Amino acid sequence: MADFFTKFGVVPDYKDLENIEKFLSPRKKILSREKTRVTAKHQRLLSKQIKYAQFLALLPYTAYQGVK
């Protein structure tokens, strides 16, 4: 069975927030390969793109924890 990126013929991209957010936990942490079922190559690209999107403030580093 092909992974998400191979199946749809896309590459992980920091501008494609809709697809990137599928690979984040509710606390906005990057999910592991075992949970996402993507190849090692795509996981490396995905984590780089997620970190770049966080650096550009397109994605938060963490979710709101409810503490003021």
PDB file of N, CA and C in Angstrom:
ATOM      1  N   MET A   1       0.848  -1.187   0.000  1.00  0.00           N
ATOM      2  CA  MET A   1       0.000   0.000   0.000  1.00  0.00           C
ATOM      3  C   MET A   1       0.888   1.243   0.000  1.00  0.00           C
ATOM      4  N   ALA A   2       0.580   2.176  -0.871  1.00  0.00           N
ATOM      5  CA  ALA A   2       1.391   3.384  -1.018  1.00  0.00           C
ATOM      6  C   ALA A   2       1.071   4.390   0.082  1.00  0.00           C
ATOM      7  N   ASP A   3       2.054   5.201   0.382  1.00  0.00           N
ATOM      8  CA  ASP A   3       1.821   6.228   1.397  1.00  0.00           C
ATOM      9  C   ASP A   3       1.032   7.389   0.793  1.00  0.00           C
ATOM     10  N   PHE A   4       0.673   8.335   1.630  1.00  0.00           N
ATOM     11  CA  PHE A   4      -0.180   9.462   1.234  1.00  0.00           C
ATOM     12  C   PHE A   4       0.395  10.247   0.057  1.00  0.00           C
ATOM     13  N   PHE A   5       1.689  10.566   0.123  1.00  0.00           N
ATOM     14  CA  PHE A   5       2.296  11.417  -0.894  1.00  0.00           C
ATOM     15  C   PHE A   5       2.463  10.696  -2.224  1.00  0.00           C
ATOM     16  N   THR A   6       2.765   9.411  -2.187  1.00  0.00           N
ATOM     17  CA  THR A   6       2.877   8.631  -3.415  1.00  0.00           C
ATOM     18  C   THR A   6       1.506   8.418  -4.038  1.00  0.00           C
ATOM     19  N   LYS A   7       0.527   8.146  -3.202  1.00  0.00           N
ATOM     20  CA  LYS A   7      -0.836   7.875  -3.680  1.00  0.00           C
ATOM     21  C   LYS A   7      -1.424   9.059  -4.445  1.00  0.00           C
ATOM     22  N   PHE A   8      -1.214  10.269  -3.926  1.00  0.00           N
ATOM     23  CA  PHE A   8      -1.791  11.452  -4.558  1.00  0.00           C
ATOM     24  C   PHE A   8      -0.800  12.206  -5.444  1.00  0.00           C
ATOM     25  N   GLY A   9       0.431  11.734  -5.527  1.00  0.00           N
ATOM     26  CA  GLY A   9       1.412  12.338  -6.422  1.00  0.00           C
ATOM     27  C   GLY A   9       1.821  13.748  -6.033  1.00  0.00           C
ATOM     28  N   VAL A  10       1.918  14.012  -4.743  1.00  0.00           N
ATOM     29  CA  VAL A  10       2.345  15.327  -4.265  1.00  0.00           C
ATOM     30  C   VAL A  10       3.618  15.183  -3.436  1.00  0.00           C
ATOM     31  N   VAL A  11       4.281  16.283  -3.219  1.00  0.00           N
ATOM     32  CA  VAL A  11       5.458  16.310  -2.349  1.00  0.00           C
ATOM     33  C   VAL A  11       5.114  17.196  -1.160  1.00  0.00           C
ATOM     34  N   PRO A  12       5.647  16.898   0.028  1.00  0.00           N
ATOM     35  CA  PRO A  12       5.382  17.777   1.173  1.00  0.00           C
ATOM     36  C   PRO A  12       5.868  19.195   0.890  1.00  0.00           C
ATOM     37  N   ASP A  13       4.992  20.180   1.129  1.00  0.00           N
ATOM     38  CA  ASP A  13       5.334  21.566   0.865  1.00  0.00           C
ATOM     39  C   ASP A  13       4.806  22.430   2.003  1.00  0.00           C
ATOM     40  N   TYR A  14       5.616  23.381   2.444  1.00  0.00           N
ATOM     41  CA  TYR A  14       5.241  24.221   3.589  1.00  0.00           C
ATOM     42  C   TYR A  14       4.029  25.088   3.291  1.00  0.00           C
ATOM     43  N   LYS A  15       3.735  25.346   2.021  1.00  0.00           N
ATOM     44  CA  LYS A  15       2.595  26.186   1.668  1.00  0.00           C
ATOM     45  C   LYS A  15       1.274  25.413   1.655  1.00  0.00           C
ATOM     46  N   ASP A  16       1.369  24.093   1.616  1.00  0.00           N
ATOM     47  CA  ASP A  16       0.183  23.244   1.575  1.00  0.00           C
ATOM     48  C   ASP A  16      -0.223  22.860   3.001  1.00  0.00           C
ATOM     49  N   LEU A  17      -0.725  23.822   3.748  1.00  0.00           N
ATOM     50  CA  LEU A  17      -1.019  23.636   5.169  1.00  0.00           C
ATOM     51  C   LEU A  17      -2.112  22.605   5.416  1.00  0.00           C
ATOM     52  N   GLU A  18      -3.046  22.490   4.505  1.00  0.00           N
ATOM     53  CA  GLU A  18      -4.150  21.548   4.678  1.00  0.00           C
ATOM     54  C   GLU A  18      -3.635  20.107   4.770  1.00  0.00           C
ATOM     55  N   ASN A  19      -2.680  19.754   3.918  1.00  0.00           N
ATOM     56  CA  ASN A  19      -2.121  18.402   3.955  1.00  0.00           C
ATOM     57  C   ASN A  19      -1.105  18.236   5.075  1.00  0.00           C
ATOM     58  N   ILE A  20      -0.320  19.263   5.350  1.00  0.00           N
ATOM     59  CA  ILE A  20       0.697  19.165   6.398  1.00  0.00           C
ATOM     60  C   ILE A  20       0.053  18.966   7.770  1.00  0.00           C
ATOM     61  N   GLU A  21      -1.074  19.613   8.019  1.00  0.00           N
ATOM     62  CA  GLU A  21      -1.724  19.509   9.328  1.00  0.00           C
ATOM     63  C   GLU A  21      -2.251  18.109   9.612  1.00  0.00           C
ATOM     64  N   LYS A  22      -2.411  17.291   8.584  1.00  0.00           N
ATOM     65  CA  LYS A  22      -2.850  15.909   8.784  1.00  0.00           C
ATOM     66  C   LYS A  22      -1.792  15.082   9.507  1.00  0.00           C
ATOM     67  N   PHE A  23      -0.554  15.542   9.475  1.00  0.00           N
ATOM     68  CA  PHE A  23       0.547  14.806  10.063  1.00  0.00           C
ATOM     69  C   PHE A  23       1.003  15.404  11.391  1.00  0.00           C
ATOM     70  N   LEU A  24       0.146  16.225  11.998  1.00  0.00           N
ATOM     71  CA  LEU A  24       0.419  16.815  13.311  1.00  0.00           C
ATOM     72  C   LEU A  24      -0.587  16.286  14.322  1.00  0.00           C
ATOM     73  N   SER A  25      -0.142  16.130  15.558  1.00  0.00           N
ATOM     74  CA  SER A  25      -1.040  15.712  16.630  1.00  0.00           C
ATOM     75  C   SER A  25      -1.901  16.909  17.039  1.00  0.00           C
ATOM     76  N   PRO A  26      -2.911  16.684  17.883  1.00  0.00           N
ATOM     77  CA  PRO A  26      -3.714  17.826  18.363  1.00  0.00           C
ATOM     78  C   PRO A  26      -2.878  18.869  19.105  1.00  0.00           C
ATOM     79  N   ARG A  27      -1.746  18.443  19.664  1.00  0.00           N
ATOM     80  CA  ARG A  27      -0.848  19.381  20.346  1.00  0.00           C
ATOM     81  C   ARG A  27       0.181  19.990  19.405  1.00  0.00           C
ATOM     82  N   LYS A  28       0.005  19.756  18.108  1.00  0.00           N
ATOM     83  CA  LYS A  28       0.849  20.315  17.036  1.00  0.00           C
ATOM     84  C   LYS A  28       2.262  19.738  17.018  1.00  0.00           C
ATOM     85  N   LYS A  29       2.412  18.499  17.456  1.00  0.00           N
ATOM     86  CA  LYS A  29       3.698  17.813  17.357  1.00  0.00           C
ATOM     87  C   LYS A  29       3.682  16.929  16.115  1.00  0.00           C
ATOM     88  N   ILE A  30       4.844  16.729  15.523  1.00  0.00           N
ATOM     89  CA  ILE A  30       4.956  15.910  14.323  1.00  0.00           C
ATOM     90  C   ILE A  30       4.750  14.442  14.709  1.00  0.00           C
ATOM     91  N   LEU A  31       3.853  13.774  13.974  1.00  0.00           N
ATOM     92  CA  LEU A  31       3.582  12.367  14.248  1.00  0.00           C
ATOM     93  C   LEU A  31       4.686  11.491  13.672  1.00  0.00           C
ATOM     94  N   SER A  32       4.885  10.320  14.261  1.00  0.00           N
ATOM     95  CA  SER A  32       5.937   9.405  13.830  1.00  0.00           C
ATOM     96  C   SER A  32       5.544   8.673  12.543  1.00  0.00           C
ATOM     97  N   ARG A  33       6.527   8.032  11.947  1.00  0.00           N
ATOM     98  CA  ARG A  33       6.289   7.265  10.725  1.00  0.00           C
ATOM     99  C   ARG A  33       5.327   6.115  10.966  1.00  0.00           C
ATOM    100  N   GLU A  34       5.375   5.524  12.145  1.00  0.00           N
ATOM    101  CA  GLU A  34       4.493   4.406  12.450  1.00  0.00           C
ATOM    102  C   GLU A  34       3.024   4.828  12.440  1.00  0.00           C
ATOM    103  N   LYS A  35       2.767   6.047  12.853  1.00  0.00           N
ATOM    104  CA  LYS A  35       1.386   6.538  12.880  1.00  0.00           C
ATOM    105  C   LYS A  35       0.955   7.114  11.533  1.00  0.00           C
ATOM    106  N   THR A  36       1.862   7.771  10.819  1.00  0.00           N
ATOM    107  CA  THR A  36       1.492   8.407   9.565  1.00  0.00           C
ATOM    108  C   THR A  36       1.557   7.465   8.379  1.00  0.00           C
ATOM    109  N   ARG A  37       2.330   6.388   8.496  1.00  0.00           N
ATOM    110  CA  ARG A  37       2.480   5.397   7.427  1.00  0.00           C
ATOM    111  C   ARG A  37       3.058   5.996   6.149  1.00  0.00           C
ATOM    112  N   VAL A  38       4.043   6.880   6.271  1.00  0.00           N
ATOM    113  CA  VAL A  38       4.732   7.413   5.099  1.00  0.00           C
ATOM    114  C   VAL A  38       6.142   6.830   5.051  1.00  0.00           C
ATOM    115  N   THR A  39       6.763   6.903   3.885  1.00  0.00           N
ATOM    116  CA  THR A  39       8.111   6.367   3.727  1.00  0.00           C
ATOM    117  C   THR A  39       9.114   7.245   4.471  1.00  0.00           C
ATOM    118  N   ALA A  40      10.307   6.719   4.670  1.00  0.00           N
ATOM    119  CA  ALA A  40      11.348   7.466   5.384  1.00  0.00           C
ATOM    120  C   ALA A  40      11.709   8.744   4.627  1.00  0.00           C
ATOM    121  N   LYS A  41      11.778   8.655   3.315  1.00  0.00           N
ATOM    122  CA  LYS A  41      12.101   9.823   2.487  1.00  0.00           C
ATOM    123  C   LYS A  41      11.057  10.915   2.663  1.00  0.00           C
ATOM    124  N   HIS A  42       9.789  10.535   2.584  1.00  0.00           N
ATOM    125  CA  HIS A  42       8.728  11.527   2.725  1.00  0.00           C
ATOM    126  C   HIS A  42       8.633  12.055   4.151  1.00  0.00           C
ATOM    127  N   GLN A  43       8.946  11.220   5.147  1.00  0.00           N
ATOM    128  CA  GLN A  43       8.916  11.687   6.538  1.00  0.00           C
ATOM    129  C   GLN A  43       9.982  12.754   6.760  1.00  0.00           C
ATOM    130  N   ARG A  44      11.172  12.558   6.193  1.00  0.00           N
ATOM    131  CA  ARG A  44      12.235  13.564   6.322  1.00  0.00           C
ATOM    132  C   ARG A  44      11.826  14.869   5.649  1.00  0.00           C
ATOM    133  N   LEU A  45      11.284  14.781   4.438  1.00  0.00           N
ATOM    134  CA  LEU A  45      10.817  15.990   3.739  1.00  0.00           C
ATOM    135  C   LEU A  45       9.683  16.661   4.513  1.00  0.00           C
ATOM    136  N   LEU A  46       8.770  15.852   5.011  1.00  0.00           N
ATOM    137  CA  LEU A  46       7.621  16.372   5.753  1.00  0.00           C
ATOM    138  C   LEU A  46       8.053  17.120   6.997  1.00  0.00           C
ATOM    139  N   SER A  47       8.964  16.552   7.767  1.00  0.00           N
ATOM    140  CA  SER A  47       9.391  17.217   8.998  1.00  0.00           C
ATOM    141  C   SER A  47      10.129  18.518   8.695  1.00  0.00           C
ATOM    142  N   LYS A  48      10.928  18.548   7.624  1.00  0.00           N
ATOM    143  CA  LYS A  48      11.599  19.795   7.238  1.00  0.00           C
ATOM    144  C   LYS A  48      10.586  20.863   6.851  1.00  0.00           C
ATOM    145  N   GLN A  49       9.572  20.474   6.089  1.00  0.00           N
ATOM    146  CA  GLN A  49       8.567  21.434   5.642  1.00  0.00           C
ATOM    147  C   GLN A  49       7.701  21.926   6.805  1.00  0.00           C
ATOM    148  N   ILE A  50       7.388  21.056   7.743  1.00  0.00           N
ATOM    149  CA  ILE A  50       6.619  21.460   8.928  1.00  0.00           C
ATOM    150  C   ILE A  50       7.423  22.460   9.750  1.00  0.00           C
ATOM    151  N   LYS A  51       8.694  22.162   9.960  1.00  0.00           N
ATOM    152  CA  LYS A  51       9.542  23.059  10.743  1.00  0.00           C
ATOM    153  C   LYS A  51       9.715  24.402  10.050  1.00  0.00           C
ATOM    154  N   TYR A  52       9.798  24.405   8.722  1.00  0.00           N
ATOM    155  CA  TYR A  52       9.908  25.655   7.979  1.00  0.00           C
ATOM    156  C   TYR A  52       8.609  26.463   8.084  1.00  0.00           C
ATOM    157  N   ALA A  53       7.464  25.776   8.005  1.00  0.00           N
ATOM    158  CA  ALA A  53       6.170  26.455   8.148  1.00  0.00           C
ATOM    159  C   ALA A  53       6.022  27.044   9.546  1.00  0.00           C
ATOM    160  N   GLN A  54       6.544  26.352  10.563  1.00  0.00           N
ATOM    161  CA  GLN A  54       6.503  26.884  11.918  1.00  0.00           C
ATOM    162  C   GLN A  54       7.410  28.098  12.041  1.00  0.00           C
ATOM    163  N   PHE A  55       8.574  28.050  11.406  1.00  0.00           N
ATOM    164  CA  PHE A  55       9.504  29.165  11.425  1.00  0.00           C
ATOM    165  C   PHE A  55       8.891  30.410  10.784  1.00  0.00           C
ATOM    166  N   LEU A  56       8.124  30.210   9.724  1.00  0.00           N
ATOM    167  CA  LEU A  56       7.466  31.326   9.036  1.00  0.00           C
ATOM    168  C   LEU A  56       6.157  31.741   9.708  1.00  0.00           C
ATOM    169  N   ALA A  57       5.810  31.107  10.813  1.00  0.00           N
ATOM    170  CA  ALA A  57       4.593  31.382  11.586  1.00  0.00           C
ATOM    171  C   ALA A  57       3.323  31.042  10.807  1.00  0.00           C
ATOM    172  N   LEU A  58       3.403  30.069   9.905  1.00  0.00           N
ATOM    173  CA  LEU A  58       2.216  29.574   9.229  1.00  0.00           C
ATOM    174  C   LEU A  58       1.530  28.505  10.076  1.00  0.00           C
ATOM    175  N   LEU A  59       2.324  27.835  10.905  1.00  0.00           N
ATOM    176  CA  LEU A  59       1.827  26.841  11.852  1.00  0.00           C
ATOM    177  C   LEU A  59       2.361  27.179  13.239  1.00  0.00           C
ATOM    178  N   PRO A  60       1.582  26.910  14.276  1.00  0.00           N
ATOM    179  CA  PRO A  60       2.107  27.142  15.632  1.00  0.00           C
ATOM    180  C   PRO A  60       3.071  26.029  16.041  1.00  0.00           C
ATOM    181  N   TYR A  61       3.983  26.341  16.951  1.00  0.00           N
ATOM    182  CA  TYR A  61       4.894  25.327  17.475  1.00  0.00           C
ATOM    183  C   TYR A  61       4.159  24.380  18.418  1.00  0.00           C
ATOM    184  N   THR A  62       3.254  24.929  19.220  1.00  0.00           N
ATOM    185  CA  THR A  62       2.464  24.110  20.146  1.00  0.00           C
ATOM    186  C   THR A  62       1.028  24.604  20.129  1.00  0.00           C
ATOM    187  N   ALA A  63       0.130  23.764  20.619  1.00  0.00           N
ATOM    188  CA  ALA A  63      -1.256  24.154  20.740  1.00  0.00           C
ATOM    189  C   ALA A  63      -1.445  24.953  22.017  1.00  0.00           C
ATOM    190  N   TYR A  64      -2.510  25.690  22.099  1.00  0.00           N
ATOM    191  CA  TYR A  64      -2.839  26.459  23.286  1.00  0.00           C
ATOM    192  C   TYR A  64      -3.066  25.502  24.441  1.00  0.00           C
ATOM    193  N   GLN A  65      -2.395  25.726  25.563  1.00  0.00           N
ATOM    194  CA  GLN A  65      -2.470  24.814  26.689  1.00  0.00           C
ATOM    195  C   GLN A  65      -3.502  25.225  27.742  1.00  0.00           C
ATOM    196  N   GLY A  66      -4.102  26.372  27.585  1.00  0.00           N
ATOM    197  CA  GLY A  66      -5.116  26.804  28.529  1.00  0.00           C
ATOM    198  C   GLY A  66      -4.548  27.486  29.769  1.00  0.00           C
ATOM    199  N   VAL A  67      -3.280  27.831  29.747  1.00  0.00           N
ATOM    200  CA  VAL A  67      -2.636  28.478  30.880  1.00  0.00           C
ATOM    201  C   VAL A  67      -2.453  29.961  30.554  1.00  0.00           C
ATOM    202  N   LYS A  68      -2.800  30.809  31.509  1.00  0.00           N
ATOM    203  CA  LYS A  68      -2.645  32.256  31.265  1.00  0.00           C
ATOM    204  C   LYS A  68      -1.449  32.814  31.943  1.00  0.00           C
TER     205      LYS A  68
END
